[in-house]
Protein backbone atom coordinates (compact mmCIF):
# COMPACT_ATOMS: atom_id res chain seq x y z
CA UNK A 1 0.00 0.00 0.00
CA UNK A 2 2.87 2.33 0.82
CA UNK A 3 4.49 1.72 -2.59
CA UNK A 4 1.18 2.37 -4.34
CA UNK A 5 0.75 5.72 -2.59
CA UNK A 6 4.37 6.69 -3.22
CA UNK A 7 3.98 5.95 -6.94
CA UNK A 8 0.81 7.96 -7.54
CA UNK A 9 1.07 10.39 -10.45
CA UNK A 10 -0.62 13.04 -8.28
CA UNK A 11 0.47 13.12 -4.63
CA UNK A 12 -2.21 12.16 -2.11
CA UNK A 13 -3.26 14.79 0.39
CA UNK A 14 -5.31 12.39 2.54
CA UNK A 15 -5.62 8.61 2.86
CA UNK A 16 -8.74 6.66 3.74
CA UNK A 17 -7.56 3.16 4.66
CA UNK A 18 -9.31 -0.07 5.61
CA UNK A 19 -8.70 -0.61 9.35
CA UNK A 20 -5.01 0.21 9.37
CA UNK A 21 -2.56 3.02 8.67
CA UNK A 22 0.23 3.54 6.18
CA UNK A 23 3.73 4.53 7.29
CA UNK A 24 3.70 7.83 5.43
CA UNK A 25 3.63 11.44 6.55
CA UNK A 26 0.21 12.02 4.98
CA UNK A 27 -2.95 12.71 6.99
CA UNK A 28 -5.00 9.52 7.07
CA UNK A 29 -7.84 7.68 8.71
CA UNK A 30 -8.14 3.93 9.24
CA UNK A 31 -11.77 2.87 8.97
CA UNK A 32 -12.88 -0.37 10.63
CA UNK A 33 -14.90 -2.33 8.03
CA UNK A 34 -13.89 0.36 5.57
CA UNK A 35 -14.65 -1.82 2.55
CA UNK A 36 -18.30 -1.93 3.68
CA UNK A 37 -18.49 1.78 4.50
CA UNK A 38 -16.51 3.46 1.71
CA UNK A 39 -16.81 2.91 -2.01
CA UNK A 40 -13.22 3.99 -2.58
CA UNK A 41 -11.90 1.51 0.00
CA UNK A 42 -14.13 -1.22 -1.47
CA UNK A 43 -12.84 -0.49 -4.98
CA UNK A 44 -9.22 -0.53 -3.79
CA UNK A 45 -9.85 -3.83 -2.03
CA UNK A 46 -11.25 -5.39 -5.21
CA UNK A 47 -8.29 -4.15 -7.27
CA UNK A 48 -5.79 -5.43 -4.71
CA UNK A 49 -7.46 -8.86 -4.59
CA UNK A 50 -7.52 -9.07 -8.39
CA UNK A 51 -3.81 -8.26 -8.64
CA UNK A 52 -2.96 -10.67 -5.80
CA UNK A 53 -4.96 -13.51 -7.38
CA UNK A 54 -3.18 -12.96 -10.71
CA UNK A 55 0.19 -13.09 -8.95
CA UNK A 56 -0.78 -16.34 -7.22
CA UNK A 57 -1.77 -17.88 -10.56
CA UNK A 58 1.74 -16.98 -11.82
CA UNK A 59 3.29 -18.56 -8.72
CA UNK A 60 1.18 -21.66 -9.33
CA UNK A 61 2.91 -22.09 -12.70
CA UNK A 62 6.32 -21.82 -11.01
CA UNK A 63 5.46 -23.97 -7.97
CA UNK A 64 2.54 -26.25 -8.90
CA UNK A 65 2.95 -28.45 -5.80
CA UNK A 66 1.76 -25.59 -3.58
CA UNK A 67 -1.66 -25.23 -5.26
CA UNK A 68 -1.73 -21.42 -5.24
CA UNK A 69 -4.28 -21.24 -8.08
CA UNK A 70 -6.74 -23.20 -5.94
CA UNK A 71 -6.36 -21.71 -2.47
CA UNK A 72 -4.98 -18.25 -3.40
CA UNK A 73 -2.48 -18.37 -0.54
CA UNK A 74 -5.03 -18.71 2.25
CA UNK A 75 -4.36 -21.11 5.13
CA UNK A 76 -6.30 -24.03 3.66
CA UNK A 77 -5.39 -27.57 4.72
CA UNK A 78 -3.82 -28.07 1.27
CA UNK A 79 -1.63 -24.98 1.64
CA UNK A 80 -0.58 -25.82 5.20
CA UNK A 81 0.32 -29.36 4.09
CA UNK A 82 2.49 -27.94 1.27
CA UNK A 83 4.22 -25.64 3.75
CA UNK A 84 4.85 -28.61 6.03
CA UNK A 85 6.25 -30.69 3.18
CA UNK A 86 8.34 -28.12 1.26
CA UNK A 87 8.54 -25.11 3.57
CA UNK A 88 7.76 -21.49 2.68
CA UNK A 89 8.96 -19.81 -0.48
CA UNK A 90 10.48 -16.31 -0.66
CA UNK A 91 7.07 -15.12 -1.96
CA UNK A 92 5.21 -16.30 1.15
CA UNK A 93 4.09 -13.71 3.69
CA UNK A 94 6.40 -14.28 6.63
CA UNK A 95 4.29 -11.94 8.74
CA UNK A 96 1.71 -14.78 8.99
CA UNK A 97 2.30 -17.14 11.92
CA UNK A 98 1.77 -20.40 9.93
CA UNK A 99 4.46 -19.35 7.46
CA UNK A 100 6.81 -17.91 10.07
CA UNK A 101 6.61 -21.03 12.27
CA UNK A 102 7.36 -23.31 9.30
CA UNK A 103 10.36 -21.15 8.43
CA UNK A 104 11.78 -21.69 11.90
CA UNK A 105 11.29 -18.07 12.87
CA UNK A 106 9.94 -17.02 16.26
CA UNK A 107 6.19 -16.39 16.39
CA UNK A 108 6.44 -13.03 18.14
CA UNK A 109 7.94 -10.14 16.24
C-alpha atoms as a PDB file:
ATOM      1  CA  UNK A   1       0.000   0.000   0.000  1.00  0.00           C
ATOM      2  CA  UNK A   2       2.868   2.327   0.816  1.00  0.00           C
ATOM      3  CA  UNK A   3       4.489   1.720  -2.595  1.00  0.00           C
ATOM      4  CA  UNK A   4       1.176   2.370  -4.344  1.00  0.00           C
ATOM      5  CA  UNK A   5       0.746   5.721  -2.594  1.00  0.00           C
ATOM      6  CA  UNK A   6       4.373   6.689  -3.223  1.00  0.00           C
ATOM      7  CA  UNK A   7       3.977   5.950  -6.935  1.00  0.00           C
ATOM      8  CA  UNK A   8       0.806   7.955  -7.536  1.00  0.00           C
ATOM      9  CA  UNK A   9       1.072  10.393 -10.449  1.00  0.00           C
ATOM     10  CA  UNK A  10      -0.625  13.040  -8.282  1.00  0.00           C
ATOM     11  CA  UNK A  11       0.467  13.121  -4.631  1.00  0.00           C
ATOM     12  CA  UNK A  12      -2.208  12.157  -2.114  1.00  0.00           C
ATOM     13  CA  UNK A  13      -3.258  14.795   0.390  1.00  0.00           C
ATOM     14  CA  UNK A  14      -5.311  12.391   2.543  1.00  0.00           C
ATOM     15  CA  UNK A  15      -5.624   8.605   2.864  1.00  0.00           C
ATOM     16  CA  UNK A  16      -8.743   6.661   3.742  1.00  0.00           C
ATOM     17  CA  UNK A  17      -7.559   3.163   4.656  1.00  0.00           C
ATOM     18  CA  UNK A  18      -9.310  -0.065   5.608  1.00  0.00           C
ATOM     19  CA  UNK A  19      -8.704  -0.608   9.352  1.00  0.00           C
ATOM     20  CA  UNK A  20      -5.006   0.212   9.367  1.00  0.00           C
ATOM     21  CA  UNK A  21      -2.557   3.016   8.668  1.00  0.00           C
ATOM     22  CA  UNK A  22       0.232   3.535   6.182  1.00  0.00           C
ATOM     23  CA  UNK A  23       3.732   4.531   7.288  1.00  0.00           C
ATOM     24  CA  UNK A  24       3.697   7.832   5.429  1.00  0.00           C
ATOM     25  CA  UNK A  25       3.627  11.444   6.545  1.00  0.00           C
ATOM     26  CA  UNK A  26       0.208  12.016   4.981  1.00  0.00           C
ATOM     27  CA  UNK A  27      -2.954  12.706   6.995  1.00  0.00           C
ATOM     28  CA  UNK A  28      -5.003   9.518   7.067  1.00  0.00           C
ATOM     29  CA  UNK A  29      -7.843   7.676   8.707  1.00  0.00           C
ATOM     30  CA  UNK A  30      -8.140   3.930   9.243  1.00  0.00           C
ATOM     31  CA  UNK A  31     -11.774   2.873   8.969  1.00  0.00           C
ATOM     32  CA  UNK A  32     -12.878  -0.371  10.626  1.00  0.00           C
ATOM     33  CA  UNK A  33     -14.903  -2.335   8.034  1.00  0.00           C
ATOM     34  CA  UNK A  34     -13.891   0.363   5.572  1.00  0.00           C
ATOM     35  CA  UNK A  35     -14.650  -1.815   2.553  1.00  0.00           C
ATOM     36  CA  UNK A  36     -18.298  -1.932   3.679  1.00  0.00           C
ATOM     37  CA  UNK A  37     -18.488   1.781   4.497  1.00  0.00           C
ATOM     38  CA  UNK A  38     -16.514   3.456   1.713  1.00  0.00           C
ATOM     39  CA  UNK A  39     -16.807   2.911  -2.009  1.00  0.00           C
ATOM     40  CA  UNK A  40     -13.220   3.994  -2.582  1.00  0.00           C
ATOM     41  CA  UNK A  41     -11.904   1.513  -0.003  1.00  0.00           C
ATOM     42  CA  UNK A  42     -14.129  -1.222  -1.467  1.00  0.00           C
ATOM     43  CA  UNK A  43     -12.841  -0.488  -4.979  1.00  0.00           C
ATOM     44  CA  UNK A  44      -9.221  -0.526  -3.793  1.00  0.00           C
ATOM     45  CA  UNK A  45      -9.854  -3.827  -2.032  1.00  0.00           C
ATOM     46  CA  UNK A  46     -11.246  -5.392  -5.213  1.00  0.00           C
ATOM     47  CA  UNK A  47      -8.294  -4.148  -7.271  1.00  0.00           C
ATOM     48  CA  UNK A  48      -5.786  -5.429  -4.709  1.00  0.00           C
ATOM     49  CA  UNK A  49      -7.465  -8.855  -4.592  1.00  0.00           C
ATOM     50  CA  UNK A  50      -7.516  -9.073  -8.393  1.00  0.00           C
ATOM     51  CA  UNK A  51      -3.806  -8.258  -8.640  1.00  0.00           C
ATOM     52  CA  UNK A  52      -2.960 -10.674  -5.801  1.00  0.00           C
ATOM     53  CA  UNK A  53      -4.959 -13.510  -7.376  1.00  0.00           C
ATOM     54  CA  UNK A  54      -3.177 -12.957 -10.712  1.00  0.00           C
ATOM     55  CA  UNK A  55       0.190 -13.087  -8.945  1.00  0.00           C
ATOM     56  CA  UNK A  56      -0.782 -16.337  -7.223  1.00  0.00           C
ATOM     57  CA  UNK A  57      -1.765 -17.878 -10.563  1.00  0.00           C
ATOM     58  CA  UNK A  58       1.741 -16.977 -11.817  1.00  0.00           C
ATOM     59  CA  UNK A  59       3.288 -18.561  -8.725  1.00  0.00           C
ATOM     60  CA  UNK A  60       1.176 -21.658  -9.331  1.00  0.00           C
ATOM     61  CA  UNK A  61       2.908 -22.088 -12.697  1.00  0.00           C
ATOM     62  CA  UNK A  62       6.323 -21.822 -11.008  1.00  0.00           C
ATOM     63  CA  UNK A  63       5.461 -23.967  -7.975  1.00  0.00           C
ATOM     64  CA  UNK A  64       2.536 -26.253  -8.897  1.00  0.00           C
ATOM     65  CA  UNK A  65       2.952 -28.447  -5.801  1.00  0.00           C
ATOM     66  CA  UNK A  66       1.760 -25.588  -3.576  1.00  0.00           C
ATOM     67  CA  UNK A  67      -1.658 -25.231  -5.260  1.00  0.00           C
ATOM     68  CA  UNK A  68      -1.727 -21.420  -5.244  1.00  0.00           C
ATOM     69  CA  UNK A  69      -4.278 -21.238  -8.080  1.00  0.00           C
ATOM     70  CA  UNK A  70      -6.739 -23.203  -5.943  1.00  0.00           C
ATOM     71  CA  UNK A  71      -6.361 -21.708  -2.468  1.00  0.00           C
ATOM     72  CA  UNK A  72      -4.978 -18.248  -3.398  1.00  0.00           C
ATOM     73  CA  UNK A  73      -2.482 -18.367  -0.538  1.00  0.00           C
ATOM     74  CA  UNK A  74      -5.031 -18.713   2.247  1.00  0.00           C
ATOM     75  CA  UNK A  75      -4.356 -21.106   5.135  1.00  0.00           C
ATOM     76  CA  UNK A  76      -6.301 -24.026   3.665  1.00  0.00           C
ATOM     77  CA  UNK A  77      -5.388 -27.570   4.718  1.00  0.00           C
ATOM     78  CA  UNK A  78      -3.818 -28.066   1.273  1.00  0.00           C
ATOM     79  CA  UNK A  79      -1.626 -24.983   1.640  1.00  0.00           C
ATOM     80  CA  UNK A  80      -0.583 -25.821   5.201  1.00  0.00           C
ATOM     81  CA  UNK A  81       0.323 -29.363   4.086  1.00  0.00           C
ATOM     82  CA  UNK A  82       2.488 -27.936   1.269  1.00  0.00           C
ATOM     83  CA  UNK A  83       4.222 -25.636   3.751  1.00  0.00           C
ATOM     84  CA  UNK A  84       4.854 -28.609   6.032  1.00  0.00           C
ATOM     85  CA  UNK A  85       6.246 -30.694   3.177  1.00  0.00           C
ATOM     86  CA  UNK A  86       8.336 -28.121   1.259  1.00  0.00           C
ATOM     87  CA  UNK A  87       8.537 -25.109   3.569  1.00  0.00           C
ATOM     88  CA  UNK A  88       7.765 -21.492   2.684  1.00  0.00           C
ATOM     89  CA  UNK A  89       8.959 -19.809  -0.479  1.00  0.00           C
ATOM     90  CA  UNK A  90      10.483 -16.310  -0.656  1.00  0.00           C
ATOM     91  CA  UNK A  91       7.074 -15.124  -1.964  1.00  0.00           C
ATOM     92  CA  UNK A  92       5.208 -16.302   1.146  1.00  0.00           C
ATOM     93  CA  UNK A  93       4.092 -13.710   3.688  1.00  0.00           C
ATOM     94  CA  UNK A  94       6.401 -14.280   6.628  1.00  0.00           C
ATOM     95  CA  UNK A  95       4.290 -11.942   8.744  1.00  0.00           C
ATOM     96  CA  UNK A  96       1.705 -14.782   8.993  1.00  0.00           C
ATOM     97  CA  UNK A  97       2.295 -17.137  11.919  1.00  0.00           C
ATOM     98  CA  UNK A  98       1.773 -20.402   9.928  1.00  0.00           C
ATOM     99  CA  UNK A  99       4.459 -19.346   7.461  1.00  0.00           C
ATOM    100  CA  UNK A 100       6.814 -17.914  10.072  1.00  0.00           C
ATOM    101  CA  UNK A 101       6.611 -21.027  12.267  1.00  0.00           C
ATOM    102  CA  UNK A 102       7.357 -23.305   9.301  1.00  0.00           C
ATOM    103  CA  UNK A 103      10.357 -21.154   8.431  1.00  0.00           C
ATOM    104  CA  UNK A 104      11.777 -21.693  11.896  1.00  0.00           C
ATOM    105  CA  UNK A 105      11.293 -18.071  12.873  1.00  0.00           C
ATOM    106  CA  UNK A 106       9.939 -17.020  16.260  1.00  0.00           C
ATOM    107  CA  UNK A 107       6.194 -16.391  16.389  1.00  0.00           C
ATOM    108  CA  UNK A 108       6.436 -13.035  18.139  1.00  0.00           C
ATOM    109  CA  UNK A 109       7.940 -10.136  16.235  1.00  0.00           C
END
